[in-house]
Amino acid sequence: MNKIDLIQDIDELIDRYCEGCFLKKQLREERGKSGAHKFCITGCTVGEQLKFLGTELNKLDQ
């Protein structure tokens, strides 16, 4: 996969699942911005996929 494809995949995931996410909104109210962010990275399957794609993107930059 090339860099442009990875960035497009990341954008698509964020647009499809993260924008307007009710759970993210609720957690942000309850735990604050950093608490919601932590959940999105560690507890959400979409966040895990984004983390994987980000790692792949970093590999290409090295």
Protein backbone atom coordinates (compact mmCIF):
# COMPACT_ATOMS: atom_id res chain seq x y z
CA MET A 1 0.00 0.00 0.00
CA ASN A 2 1.29 3.47 -0.74
CA LYS A 3 1.14 6.61 1.37
CA ILE A 4 -1.79 8.19 -0.47
CA ASP A 5 -3.92 5.04 -0.13
CA LEU A 6 -3.21 4.84 3.59
CA ILE A 7 -4.14 8.48 4.15
CA GLN A 8 -7.35 8.03 2.16
CA ASP A 9 -8.23 4.94 4.22
CA ILE A 10 -7.64 6.87 7.44
CA ASP A 11 -9.79 9.78 6.25
CA GLU A 12 -12.56 7.43 5.17
CA LEU A 13 -12.63 5.64 8.54
CA ILE A 14 -12.75 8.93 10.45
CA ASP A 15 -15.49 10.34 8.20
CA ARG A 16 -17.58 7.17 8.33
CA TYR A 17 -17.29 6.16 11.97
CA CYS A 18 -15.75 8.90 14.14
CA GLU A 19 -17.53 12.04 12.97
CA GLY A 20 -20.77 12.23 14.93
CA CYS A 21 -19.96 9.17 17.07
CA PHE A 22 -22.41 9.14 19.98
CA LEU A 23 -20.08 7.15 22.22
CA LYS A 24 -17.22 9.57 21.67
CA LYS A 25 -19.52 12.49 22.45
CA GLN A 26 -20.81 10.85 25.63
CA LEU A 27 -17.35 9.87 26.85
CA ARG A 28 -16.10 13.38 26.19
CA GLU A 29 -18.80 14.75 28.48
CA GLU A 30 -18.12 12.15 31.19
CA ARG A 31 -14.33 11.76 31.03
CA GLY A 32 -13.18 14.84 29.16
CA LYS A 33 -11.33 15.08 25.89
CA SER A 34 -8.32 13.00 26.93
CA GLY A 35 -10.48 10.26 28.46
CA ALA A 36 -12.53 9.94 25.30
CA HIS A 37 -9.38 9.97 23.18
CA LYS A 38 -7.84 7.21 25.29
CA PHE A 39 -10.93 5.03 24.82
CA CYS A 40 -10.96 5.66 21.07
CA ILE A 41 -7.36 4.49 20.78
CA THR A 42 -7.44 1.50 23.13
CA GLY A 43 -11.06 0.35 23.35
CA CYS A 44 -12.64 1.05 19.99
CA THR A 45 -12.20 -1.29 17.02
CA VAL A 46 -12.15 1.66 14.64
CA GLY A 47 -9.46 3.29 16.76
CA GLU A 48 -7.42 0.11 16.66
CA GLN A 49 -7.67 0.08 12.87
CA LEU A 50 -6.63 3.74 12.71
CA LYS A 51 -3.68 2.98 14.96
CA PHE A 52 -2.65 0.12 12.66
CA LEU A 53 -2.90 2.31 9.56
CA GLY A 54 -0.89 5.02 11.28
CA THR A 55 1.83 2.52 12.10
CA GLU A 56 1.92 1.40 8.47
CA LEU A 57 2.15 5.03 7.38
CA ASN A 58 5.10 5.58 9.72
CA LYS A 59 6.87 2.54 8.28
CA LEU A 60 6.69 4.13 4.82
CA ASP A 61 8.28 7.35 6.10
CA GLN A 62 11.32 5.58 7.51
